[in-house]
Amino acid sequence: MAELLLEPDAGTAAAAEVRAADGRIVAWIDERLARAAYARLVAEHGGPAAAADRVRLAAALAWPRTVAAFSDRPPRLSLLAAAYASAVARIRPFREGNDAMACLLSMLFLRVNGAELPAPPLEKYSIFAALADGRVDTVALAQWMRMRHLANQRGVDTVVAIRIRDGRVRGVATMKGSASRLPGAAAAKTRTQNPRRPTP
């Protein structure tokens, strides 16, 4: 996708005063930016240019703020990005393209907050299709984002997540290359991973 103007509303971050786990003030996606992203998506890929349902869009954009408000610790950016995706996928504020917008708004949120997340197209498609189908939840999507960030940071194709509870290994998930198996089996194993470690 070509470049979008990525300047969040100047008052958005300051008014909320929510800090992410890494200490930075969170910049939220507002309705204007979401509508611009949808217009760009329609222009590039086709579809109806009809306006989004304002109430549903407001609810979807408010959900990550609710997640942040009820977190007992500063939330990770990956959890908030996953909350955007989950809200758009469930509330469906756009006439068409809600699954694509779920991916786009979560990635846009990360980018606006200085945390881009490049991933192979097949991998992105697989994880967001699994979110749309209900096979992956918000926590599993956030876990995938953290795993993908780690893989990008280390320059590796394979990331292994190990879930330990009571001193015993309770689950192992492997993300390798295109991660075509991630949404089904592996992502389900990562759902209970501790979401309170610092977000990249």
C-alpha atoms as a PDB file:
ATOM      1  CA  MET A   1       0.000   0.000   0.000  1.00  0.00           C
ATOM      2  CA  ALA A   2       1.263   3.464  -0.840  1.00  0.00           C
ATOM      3  CA  GLU A   3       2.058   6.019   1.839  1.00  0.00           C
ATOM      4  CA  LEU A   4      -0.734   7.601   3.854  1.00  0.00           C
ATOM      5  CA  LEU A   5      -0.288  10.833   5.722  1.00  0.00           C
ATOM      6  CA  LEU A   6       0.425   9.485   9.196  1.00  0.00           C
ATOM      7  CA  GLU A   7      -0.052  12.486  11.417  1.00  0.00           C
ATOM      8  CA  PRO A   8      -2.437  11.649  14.242  1.00  0.00           C
ATOM      9  CA  ASP A   9      -4.613  14.427  15.584  1.00  0.00           C
ATOM     10  CA  ALA A  10      -2.288  16.639  17.634  1.00  0.00           C
ATOM     11  CA  GLY A  11      -4.533  16.530  20.684  1.00  0.00           C
ATOM     12  CA  THR A  12      -5.265  12.805  20.499  1.00  0.00           C
ATOM     13  CA  ALA A  13      -2.192  11.503  22.300  1.00  0.00           C
ATOM     14  CA  ALA A  14      -2.016  14.309  24.844  1.00  0.00           C
ATOM     15  CA  ALA A  15      -5.690  14.188  25.775  1.00  0.00           C
ATOM     16  CA  ALA A  16      -5.655  10.474  26.557  1.00  0.00           C
ATOM     17  CA  GLU A  17      -2.361  10.455  28.473  1.00  0.00           C
ATOM     18  CA  VAL A  18      -2.067   6.693  28.142  1.00  0.00           C
ATOM     19  CA  ARG A  19       1.469   5.349  28.211  1.00  0.00           C
ATOM     20  CA  ALA A  20       2.411   2.075  26.593  1.00  0.00           C
ATOM     21  CA  ALA A  21       4.585  -0.501  28.335  1.00  0.00           C
ATOM     22  CA  ASP A  22       7.661   1.016  26.689  1.00  0.00           C
ATOM     23  CA  GLY A  23       6.888   4.423  28.256  1.00  0.00           C
ATOM     24  CA  ARG A  24       5.769   6.372  25.205  1.00  0.00           C
ATOM     25  CA  ILE A  25       2.450   8.192  25.056  1.00  0.00           C
ATOM     26  CA  VAL A  26       0.028   6.279  22.847  1.00  0.00           C
ATOM     27  CA  ALA A  27      -1.244   8.023  19.698  1.00  0.00           C
ATOM     28  CA  TRP A  28      -4.730   6.721  18.881  1.00  0.00           C
ATOM     29  CA  ILE A  29      -6.362   6.290  15.488  1.00  0.00           C
ATOM     30  CA  ASP A  30      -9.207   8.759  15.130  1.00  0.00           C
ATOM     31  CA  GLU A  31     -12.213   8.585  12.832  1.00  0.00           C
ATOM     32  CA  ARG A  32     -10.627  10.894  10.260  1.00  0.00           C
ATOM     33  CA  LEU A  33      -7.559   8.664   9.871  1.00  0.00           C
ATOM     34  CA  ALA A  34      -9.669   5.487   9.758  1.00  0.00           C
ATOM     35  CA  ARG A  35     -11.873   6.948   7.019  1.00  0.00           C
ATOM     36  CA  ALA A  36      -8.818   8.087   5.036  1.00  0.00           C
ATOM     37  CA  ALA A  37      -7.327   4.585   5.304  1.00  0.00           C
ATOM     38  CA  TYR A  38     -10.608   3.053   4.090  1.00  0.00           C
ATOM     39  CA  ALA A  39     -10.822   5.504   1.172  1.00  0.00           C
ATOM     40  CA  ARG A  40      -7.258   4.572   0.188  1.00  0.00           C
ATOM     41  CA  LEU A  41      -8.043   0.855   0.460  1.00  0.00           C
ATOM     42  CA  VAL A  42     -11.111   1.279  -1.790  1.00  0.00           C
ATOM     43  CA  ALA A  43      -9.146   3.391  -4.284  1.00  0.00           C
ATOM     44  CA  GLU A  44      -6.402   0.770  -4.551  1.00  0.00           C
ATOM     45  CA  HIS A  45      -8.437  -2.449  -4.402  1.00  0.00           C
ATOM     46  CA  GLY A  46     -11.970  -1.474  -5.385  1.00  0.00           C
ATOM     47  CA  GLY A  47     -15.215  -1.774  -3.499  1.00  0.00           C
ATOM     48  CA  PRO A  48     -18.015   0.534  -2.445  1.00  0.00           C
ATOM     49  CA  ALA A  49     -16.921   3.984  -1.362  1.00  0.00           C
ATOM     50  CA  ALA A  50     -19.893   4.245   0.988  1.00  0.00           C
ATOM     51  CA  ALA A  51     -19.361   5.837   4.359  1.00  0.00           C
ATOM     52  CA  ALA A  52     -18.790   3.651   7.376  1.00  0.00           C
ATOM     53  CA  ASP A  53     -21.479   3.280  10.005  1.00  0.00           C
ATOM     54  CA  ARG A  54     -20.513   6.107  12.392  1.00  0.00           C
ATOM     55  CA  VAL A  55     -21.704   4.365  15.552  1.00  0.00           C
ATOM     56  CA  ARG A  56     -19.973   1.096  14.756  1.00  0.00           C
ATOM     57  CA  LEU A  57     -16.783   2.883  13.724  1.00  0.00           C
ATOM     58  CA  ALA A  58     -16.768   4.917  16.936  1.00  0.00           C
ATOM     59  CA  ALA A  59     -17.248   1.715  18.952  1.00  0.00           C
ATOM     60  CA  ALA A  60     -14.435  -0.075  17.101  1.00  0.00           C
ATOM     61  CA  LEU A  61     -12.039   2.848  17.540  1.00  0.00           C
ATOM     62  CA  ALA A  62     -12.934   3.159  21.232  1.00  0.00           C
ATOM     63  CA  TRP A  63     -12.283  -0.491  22.083  1.00  0.00           C
ATOM     64  CA  PRO A  64      -8.447  -0.234  22.363  1.00  0.00           C
ATOM     65  CA  ARG A  65      -8.875   2.722  24.735  1.00  0.00           C
ATOM     66  CA  THR A  66     -11.177   0.572  26.848  1.00  0.00           C
ATOM     67  CA  VAL A  67      -8.574  -2.200  26.872  1.00  0.00           C
ATOM     68  CA  ALA A  68      -5.958   0.337  28.007  1.00  0.00           C
ATOM     69  CA  ALA A  69      -8.265   1.796  30.661  1.00  0.00           C
ATOM     70  CA  PHE A  70      -8.907  -1.593  32.241  1.00  0.00           C
ATOM     71  CA  SER A  71      -5.300  -2.839  32.067  1.00  0.00           C
ATOM     72  CA  ASP A  72      -3.669  -3.096  35.476  1.00  0.00           C
ATOM     73  CA  ARG A  73      -0.308  -2.179  33.885  1.00  0.00           C
ATOM     74  CA  PRO A  74       0.663  -0.024  30.922  1.00  0.00           C
ATOM     75  CA  PRO A  75      -0.475  -2.007  27.862  1.00  0.00           C
ATOM     76  CA  ARG A  76       1.815  -3.158  25.100  1.00  0.00           C
ATOM     77  CA  LEU A  77       1.395  -1.581  21.704  1.00  0.00           C
ATOM     78  CA  SER A  78       0.862  -5.056  20.246  1.00  0.00           C
ATOM     79  CA  LEU A  79      -2.133  -5.646  22.532  1.00  0.00           C
ATOM     80  CA  LEU A  80      -3.681  -2.314  21.561  1.00  0.00           C
ATOM     81  CA  ALA A  81      -3.051  -2.975  17.851  1.00  0.00           C
ATOM     82  CA  ALA A  82      -4.666  -6.393  18.229  1.00  0.00           C
ATOM     83  CA  ALA A  83      -7.618  -4.723  19.975  1.00  0.00           C
ATOM     84  CA  TYR A  84      -8.119  -2.449  16.934  1.00  0.00           C
ATOM     85  CA  ALA A  85      -8.072  -5.467  14.623  1.00  0.00           C
ATOM     86  CA  SER A  86     -10.392  -7.510  16.803  1.00  0.00           C
ATOM     87  CA  ALA A  87     -12.891  -4.656  17.181  1.00  0.00           C
ATOM     88  CA  VAL A  88     -13.071  -3.975  13.441  1.00  0.00           C
ATOM     89  CA  ALA A  89     -13.358  -7.695  12.653  1.00  0.00           C
ATOM     90  CA  ARG A  90     -16.187  -8.161  15.178  1.00  0.00           C
ATOM     91  CA  ILE A  91     -18.110  -4.862  14.938  1.00  0.00           C
ATOM     92  CA  ARG A  92     -17.752  -4.552  11.127  1.00  0.00           C
ATOM     93  CA  PRO A  93     -18.165  -0.779  10.721  1.00  0.00           C
ATOM     94  CA  PHE A  94     -17.486  -0.729   6.965  1.00  0.00           C
ATOM     95  CA  ARG A  95     -19.835  -1.918   4.231  1.00  0.00           C
ATOM     96  CA  GLU A  96     -17.104  -4.180   2.802  1.00  0.00           C
ATOM     97  CA  GLY A  97     -13.459  -4.898   3.512  1.00  0.00           C
ATOM     98  CA  ASN A  98     -13.683  -5.169   7.297  1.00  0.00           C
ATOM     99  CA  ASP A  99     -11.143  -7.995   7.458  1.00  0.00           C
ATOM    100  CA  ALA A 100      -8.655  -6.012   5.364  1.00  0.00           C
ATOM    101  CA  MET A 101      -9.354  -2.920   7.483  1.00  0.00           C
ATOM    102  CA  ALA A 102      -8.725  -4.948  10.654  1.00  0.00           C
ATOM    103  CA  CYS A 103      -5.217  -5.672   9.390  1.00  0.00           C
ATOM    104  CA  LEU A 104      -4.683  -2.178   8.009  1.00  0.00           C
ATOM    105  CA  LEU A 105      -5.774  -0.300  11.140  1.00  0.00           C
ATOM    106  CA  SER A 106      -3.711  -2.492  13.467  1.00  0.00           C
ATOM    107  CA  MET A 107      -0.600  -2.031  11.326  1.00  0.00           C
ATOM    108  CA  LEU A 108      -1.357   1.687  10.967  1.00  0.00           C
ATOM    109  CA  PHE A 109      -1.680   2.024  14.743  1.00  0.00           C
ATOM    110  CA  LEU A 110       1.736   0.425  15.211  1.00  0.00           C
ATOM    111  CA  ARG A 111       3.246   2.675  12.560  1.00  0.00           C
ATOM    112  CA  VAL A 112       1.783   5.867  14.018  1.00  0.00           C
ATOM    113  CA  ASN A 113       3.352   4.825  17.331  1.00  0.00           C
ATOM    114  CA  GLY A 114       6.757   4.113  15.772  1.00  0.00           C
ATOM    115  CA  ALA A 115       6.606   0.315  15.847  1.00  0.00           C
ATOM    116  CA  GLU A 116       6.244  -1.006  12.301  1.00  0.00           C
ATOM    117  CA  LEU A 117       5.695  -4.718  11.872  1.00  0.00           C
ATOM    118  CA  PRO A 118       6.729  -6.008   8.441  1.00  0.00           C
ATOM    119  CA  ALA A 119       5.619  -9.575   7.799  1.00  0.00           C
ATOM    120  CA  PRO A 120       5.312 -11.791   4.725  1.00  0.00           C
ATOM    121  CA  PRO A 121       1.928 -11.287   3.008  1.00  0.00           C
ATOM    122  CA  LEU A 122       0.920 -14.948   3.376  1.00  0.00           C
ATOM    123  CA  GLU A 123       1.659 -14.833   7.083  1.00  0.00           C
ATOM    124  CA  LYS A 124      -0.387 -11.648   7.560  1.00  0.00           C
ATOM    125  CA  TYR A 125      -3.234 -13.066   5.516  1.00  0.00           C
ATOM    126  CA  SER A 126      -3.224 -16.314   7.510  1.00  0.00           C
ATOM    127  CA  ILE A 127      -3.321 -14.671  10.935  1.00  0.00           C
ATOM    128  CA  PHE A 128      -5.939 -12.054  10.047  1.00  0.00           C
ATOM    129  CA  ALA A 129      -8.107 -14.639   8.245  1.00  0.00           C
ATOM    130  CA  ALA A 130      -7.941 -16.715  11.424  1.00  0.00           C
ATOM    131  CA  LEU A 131      -9.009 -13.644  13.426  1.00  0.00           C
ATOM    132  CA  ALA A 132     -11.965 -13.095  11.086  1.00  0.00           C
ATOM    133  CA  ASP A 133     -12.974 -16.769  11.402  1.00  0.00           C
ATOM    134  CA  GLY A 134     -12.728 -16.688  15.185  1.00  0.00           C
ATOM    135  CA  ARG A 135      -9.836 -19.178  15.333  1.00  0.00           C
ATOM    136  CA  VAL A 136      -7.523 -16.534  16.828  1.00  0.00           C
ATOM    137  CA  ASP A 137      -8.458 -14.101  19.588  1.00  0.00           C
ATOM    138  CA  THR A 138      -7.032 -10.708  20.541  1.00  0.00           C
ATOM    139  CA  VAL A 139      -4.398 -12.132  22.886  1.00  0.00           C
ATOM    140  CA  ALA A 140      -3.183 -14.658  20.287  1.00  0.00           C
ATOM    141  CA  LEU A 141      -2.964 -11.904  17.657  1.00  0.00           C
ATOM    142  CA  ALA A 142      -0.930  -9.748  20.050  1.00  0.00           C
ATOM    143  CA  GLN A 143       1.319 -12.754  20.712  1.00  0.00           C
ATOM    144  CA  TRP A 144       1.844 -13.207  16.970  1.00  0.00           C
ATOM    145  CA  MET A 145       2.774  -9.524  16.683  1.00  0.00           C
ATOM    146  CA  ARG A 146       5.344  -9.893  19.460  1.00  0.00           C
ATOM    147  CA  MET A 147       6.753 -13.073  17.888  1.00  0.00           C
ATOM    148  CA  ARG A 148       6.928 -11.434  14.446  1.00  0.00           C
ATOM    149  CA  HIS A 149       8.650  -8.373  15.926  1.00  0.00           C
ATOM    150  CA  LEU A 150      11.190 -10.634  17.615  1.00  0.00           C
ATOM    151  CA  ALA A 151      11.832 -12.494  14.365  1.00  0.00           C
ATOM    152  CA  ASN A 152      12.314  -9.211  12.493  1.00  0.00           C
ATOM    153  CA  GLN A 153      14.613  -7.863  15.202  1.00  0.00           C
ATOM    154  CA  ARG A 154      16.797 -10.955  15.207  1.00  0.00           C
ATOM    155  CA  GLY A 155      16.709 -11.441  11.442  1.00  0.00           C
ATOM    156  CA  VAL A 156      15.481 -15.025  11.732  1.00  0.00           C
ATOM    157  CA  ASP A 157      12.759 -16.977   9.972  1.00  0.00           C
ATOM    158  CA  THR A 158      11.783 -19.137  12.944  1.00  0.00           C
ATOM    159  CA  VAL A 159      10.519 -18.071  16.346  1.00  0.00           C
ATOM    160  CA  VAL A 160       9.564 -20.474  19.105  1.00  0.00           C
ATOM    161  CA  ALA A 161       7.274 -19.464  21.973  1.00  0.00           C
ATOM    162  CA  ILE A 162       7.232 -21.690  25.048  1.00  0.00           C
ATOM    163  CA  ARG A 163       4.465 -21.431  27.642  1.00  0.00           C
ATOM    164  CA  ILE A 164       5.554 -22.409  31.138  1.00  0.00           C
ATOM    165  CA  ARG A 165       3.223 -22.727  34.099  1.00  0.00           C
ATOM    166  CA  ASP A 166       4.103 -24.059  37.540  1.00  0.00           C
ATOM    167  CA  GLY A 167       7.651 -24.773  36.401  1.00  0.00           C
ATOM    168  CA  ARG A 168       6.489 -27.087  33.589  1.00  0.00           C
ATOM    169  CA  VAL A 169       6.320 -26.573  29.833  1.00  0.00           C
ATOM    170  CA  ARG A 170       2.613 -26.354  28.945  1.00  0.00           C
ATOM    171  CA  GLY A 171       2.782 -25.427  25.272  1.00  0.00           C
ATOM    172  CA  VAL A 172       5.138 -24.724  22.423  1.00  0.00           C
ATOM    173  CA  ALA A 173       4.376 -22.712  19.276  1.00  0.00           C
ATOM    174  CA  THR A 174       6.686 -22.400  16.309  1.00  0.00           C
ATOM    175  CA  MET A 175       6.504 -19.716  13.666  1.00  0.00           C
ATOM    176  CA  LYS A 176       8.609 -20.640  10.665  1.00  0.00           C
ATOM    177  CA  GLY A 177       8.876 -18.755   7.388  1.00  0.00           C
ATOM    178  CA  SER A 178       5.366 -18.137   6.063  1.00  0.00           C
ATOM    179  CA  ALA A 179       3.721 -19.535   9.211  1.00  0.00           C
ATOM    180  CA  SER A 180       0.921 -21.086   7.207  1.00  0.00           C
ATOM    181  CA  ARG A 181       0.073 -23.333  10.185  1.00  0.00           C
ATOM    182  CA  LEU A 182       0.150 -20.564  12.796  1.00  0.00           C
ATOM    183  CA  PRO A 183      -3.532 -19.595  12.914  1.00  0.00           C
ATOM    184  CA  GLY A 184      -4.798 -23.112  13.525  1.00  0.00           C
ATOM    185  CA  ALA A 185      -2.701 -25.123  15.907  1.00  0.00           C
ATOM    186  CA  ALA A 186       0.175 -22.916  16.982  1.00  0.00           C
ATOM    187  CA  ALA A 187      -1.773 -19.728  17.643  1.00  0.00           C
ATOM    188  CA  ALA A 188      -4.221 -21.580  19.846  1.00  0.00           C
ATOM    189  CA  LYS A 189      -1.323 -22.695  22.019  1.00  0.00           C
ATOM    190  CA  THR A 190      -0.094 -19.119  22.452  1.00  0.00           C
ATOM    191  CA  ARG A 191      -3.385 -17.661  23.740  1.00  0.00           C
ATOM    192  CA  THR A 192      -2.500 -17.978  27.395  1.00  0.00           C
ATOM    193  CA  GLN A 193       0.998 -16.537  27.065  1.00  0.00           C
ATOM    194  CA  ASN A 194       1.650 -13.858  29.709  1.00  0.00           C
ATOM    195  CA  PRO A 195       0.630 -10.530  28.050  1.00  0.00           C
ATOM    196  CA  ARG A 196       2.430  -8.354  30.627  1.00  0.00           C
ATOM    197  CA  ARG A 197       6.017  -8.515  29.407  1.00  0.00           C
ATOM    198  CA  PRO A 198       7.270  -5.259  27.809  1.00  0.00           C
ATOM    199  CA  THR A 199       6.150  -4.670  24.246  1.00  0.00           C
ATOM    200  CA  PRO A 200       8.733  -3.877  21.604  1.00  0.00           C
END
